[in-house]
Amino acid sequence: MNNDNKRQMQSSDALMSEAKGMRESFIAKRKGVSASYEDRLDTEFWFCVVFVDREHKERFLKHFGLIEYGDKYIDGDEALVNMGLSHPSEYNINQRG
């Protein structure tokens, strides 16, 4: 093996070692992400209710005393307090598995 080939091999080994180090660093950082950070990225905290027309939607909101909180986006905690609930554990819902 000539000197040029040796230098190329050493350079290649150095690059592979650096890439491996970067990969390990990314993996370590990913594992270190806190649960609260992941919670902030969670999009499964809302739902949508659709009615046949605006009148039905507004009657629903008025019936449950929610119209004062808005007619499109409503704070779930405010809605719960209005309904006399404060935590999901207070919901009397049979869970389906």
C-alpha atoms as a PDB file:
ATOM      1  CA  MET A   1       0.000   0.000   0.000  1.00  0.00           C
ATOM      2  CA  ASN A   2       1.508   3.347  -0.990  1.00  0.00           C
ATOM      3  CA  ASN A   3       1.479   6.534   1.106  1.00  0.00           C
ATOM      4  CA  ASP A   4      -1.472   8.083  -0.767  1.00  0.00           C
ATOM      5  CA  ASN A   5      -3.618   5.023  -0.075  1.00  0.00           C
ATOM      6  CA  LYS A   6      -2.590   5.076   3.609  1.00  0.00           C
ATOM      7  CA  ARG A   7      -3.557   8.761   3.917  1.00  0.00           C
ATOM      8  CA  GLN A   8      -6.905   8.109   2.232  1.00  0.00           C
ATOM      9  CA  MET A   9      -7.581   5.211   4.590  1.00  0.00           C
ATOM     10  CA  GLN A  10      -6.644   7.316   7.632  1.00  0.00           C
ATOM     11  CA  SER A  11      -8.803  10.187   6.373  1.00  0.00           C
ATOM     12  CA  SER A  12     -11.699   7.809   5.757  1.00  0.00           C
ATOM     13  CA  ASP A  13     -11.289   6.267   9.219  1.00  0.00           C
ATOM     14  CA  ALA A  14     -11.223   9.740  10.789  1.00  0.00           C
ATOM     15  CA  LEU A  15     -14.401  10.764   8.958  1.00  0.00           C
ATOM     16  CA  MET A  16     -16.165   7.549   9.965  1.00  0.00           C
ATOM     17  CA  SER A  17     -15.106   8.068  13.568  1.00  0.00           C
ATOM     18  CA  GLU A  18     -16.372  11.664  13.504  1.00  0.00           C
ATOM     19  CA  ALA A  19     -19.682  10.618  11.927  1.00  0.00           C
ATOM     20  CA  LYS A  20     -20.096   7.865  14.533  1.00  0.00           C
ATOM     21  CA  GLY A  21     -19.437  10.384  17.296  1.00  0.00           C
ATOM     22  CA  MET A  22     -22.017  12.783  15.869  1.00  0.00           C
ATOM     23  CA  ARG A  23     -24.581  10.000  15.565  1.00  0.00           C
ATOM     24  CA  GLU A  24     -24.014   8.948  19.170  1.00  0.00           C
ATOM     25  CA  SER A  25     -24.331  12.563  20.274  1.00  0.00           C
ATOM     26  CA  PHE A  26     -27.676  12.941  18.474  1.00  0.00           C
ATOM     27  CA  ILE A  27     -28.947   9.713  20.013  1.00  0.00           C
ATOM     28  CA  ALA A  28     -27.881  10.819  23.500  1.00  0.00           C
ATOM     29  CA  LYS A  29     -29.573  14.201  23.068  1.00  0.00           C
ATOM     30  CA  ARG A  30     -32.755  12.547  21.804  1.00  0.00           C
ATOM     31  CA  LYS A  31     -32.848  10.294  24.859  1.00  0.00           C
ATOM     32  CA  GLY A  32     -32.345  13.324  27.073  1.00  0.00           C
ATOM     33  CA  VAL A  33     -35.413  15.133  25.799  1.00  0.00           C
ATOM     34  CA  SER A  34     -37.683  15.728  28.759  1.00  0.00           C
ATOM     35  CA  ALA A  35     -41.233  14.436  28.905  1.00  0.00           C
ATOM     36  CA  SER A  36     -42.552  17.996  29.192  1.00  0.00           C
ATOM     37  CA  TYR A  37     -40.866  18.895  25.906  1.00  0.00           C
ATOM     38  CA  GLU A  38     -42.475  15.920  24.197  1.00  0.00           C
ATOM     39  CA  ASP A  39     -45.812  16.872  25.779  1.00  0.00           C
ATOM     40  CA  ARG A  40     -45.548  20.288  24.149  1.00  0.00           C
ATOM     41  CA  LEU A  41     -45.097  18.604  20.777  1.00  0.00           C
ATOM     42  CA  ASP A  42     -48.131  16.351  21.302  1.00  0.00           C
ATOM     43  CA  THR A  43     -51.003  17.210  18.962  1.00  0.00           C
ATOM     44  CA  GLU A  44     -53.503  14.723  20.384  1.00  0.00           C
ATOM     45  CA  PHE A  45     -55.007  17.125  22.936  1.00  0.00           C
ATOM     46  CA  TRP A  46     -57.939  18.491  20.956  1.00  0.00           C
ATOM     47  CA  PHE A  47     -60.993  17.276  19.090  1.00  0.00           C
ATOM     48  CA  CYS A  48     -63.529  18.641  16.627  1.00  0.00           C
ATOM     49  CA  VAL A  49     -67.310  18.540  16.725  1.00  0.00           C
ATOM     50  CA  VAL A  50     -69.190  19.172  13.480  1.00  0.00           C
ATOM     51  CA  PHE A  51     -72.827  20.193  13.124  1.00  0.00           C
ATOM     52  CA  VAL A  52     -75.101  20.393  10.091  1.00  0.00           C
ATOM     53  CA  ASP A  53     -75.175  24.196  10.267  1.00  0.00           C
ATOM     54  CA  ARG A  54     -74.249  27.232  12.371  1.00  0.00           C
ATOM     55  CA  GLU A  55     -77.614  27.295  14.176  1.00  0.00           C
ATOM     56  CA  HIS A  56     -77.154  23.769  15.538  1.00  0.00           C
ATOM     57  CA  LYS A  57     -73.603  24.583  16.652  1.00  0.00           C
ATOM     58  CA  GLU A  58     -74.679  27.742  18.469  1.00  0.00           C
ATOM     59  CA  ARG A  59     -77.626  25.988  20.140  1.00  0.00           C
ATOM     60  CA  PHE A  60     -75.240  23.296  21.389  1.00  0.00           C
ATOM     61  CA  LEU A  61     -72.779  25.855  22.761  1.00  0.00           C
ATOM     62  CA  LYS A  62     -75.552  27.821  24.459  1.00  0.00           C
ATOM     63  CA  HIS A  63     -77.125  24.679  25.940  1.00  0.00           C
ATOM     64  CA  PHE A  64     -73.859  23.701  27.614  1.00  0.00           C
ATOM     65  CA  GLY A  65     -72.981  27.277  28.593  1.00  0.00           C
ATOM     66  CA  LEU A  66     -69.924  27.327  26.368  1.00  0.00           C
ATOM     67  CA  ILE A  67     -70.831  30.155  23.993  1.00  0.00           C
ATOM     68  CA  GLU A  68     -69.278  32.709  26.333  1.00  0.00           C
ATOM     69  CA  TYR A  69     -65.884  31.047  25.770  1.00  0.00           C
ATOM     70  CA  GLY A  70     -66.064  31.341  21.995  1.00  0.00           C
ATOM     71  CA  ASP A  71     -67.654  29.627  19.045  1.00  0.00           C
ATOM     72  CA  LYS A  72     -64.671  27.865  17.447  1.00  0.00           C
ATOM     73  CA  TYR A  73     -61.772  27.366  19.841  1.00  0.00           C
ATOM     74  CA  ILE A  74     -62.662  26.805  23.477  1.00  0.00           C
ATOM     75  CA  ASP A  75     -60.272  26.314  26.376  1.00  0.00           C
ATOM     76  CA  GLY A  76     -60.965  22.791  27.629  1.00  0.00           C
ATOM     77  CA  ASP A  77     -60.185  23.644  31.250  1.00  0.00           C
ATOM     78  CA  GLU A  78     -62.695  26.517  31.213  1.00  0.00           C
ATOM     79  CA  ALA A  79     -65.308  24.231  29.665  1.00  0.00           C
ATOM     80  CA  LEU A  80     -64.697  21.606  32.369  1.00  0.00           C
ATOM     81  CA  VAL A  81     -65.091  24.131  35.163  1.00  0.00           C
ATOM     82  CA  ASN A  82     -68.307  25.359  33.546  1.00  0.00           C
ATOM     83  CA  MET A  83     -69.595  21.771  33.450  1.00  0.00           C
ATOM     84  CA  GLY A  84     -68.684  21.224  37.098  1.00  0.00           C
ATOM     85  CA  LEU A  85     -65.683  19.012  36.316  1.00  0.00           C
ATOM     86  CA  SER A  86     -62.057  19.767  36.942  1.00  0.00           C
ATOM     87  CA  HIS A  87     -60.129  16.673  35.878  1.00  0.00           C
ATOM     88  CA  PRO A  88     -60.586  13.843  33.350  1.00  0.00           C
ATOM     89  CA  SER A  89     -60.746  11.344  36.212  1.00  0.00           C
ATOM     90  CA  GLU A  90     -64.112  12.901  37.111  1.00  0.00           C
ATOM     91  CA  TYR A  91     -65.630  11.931  33.750  1.00  0.00           C
ATOM     92  CA  ASN A  92     -68.001   9.029  34.067  1.00  0.00           C
ATOM     93  CA  ILE A  93     -67.143   7.379  30.764  1.00  0.00           C
ATOM     94  CA  ASN A  94     -66.893   3.643  30.099  1.00  0.00           C
ATOM     95  CA  GLN A  95     -63.621   3.171  28.272  1.00  0.00           C
ATOM     96  CA  ARG A  96     -63.549   0.870  25.295  1.00  0.00           C
ATOM     97  CA  GLY A  97     -60.415  -1.118  24.711  1.00  0.00           C
END
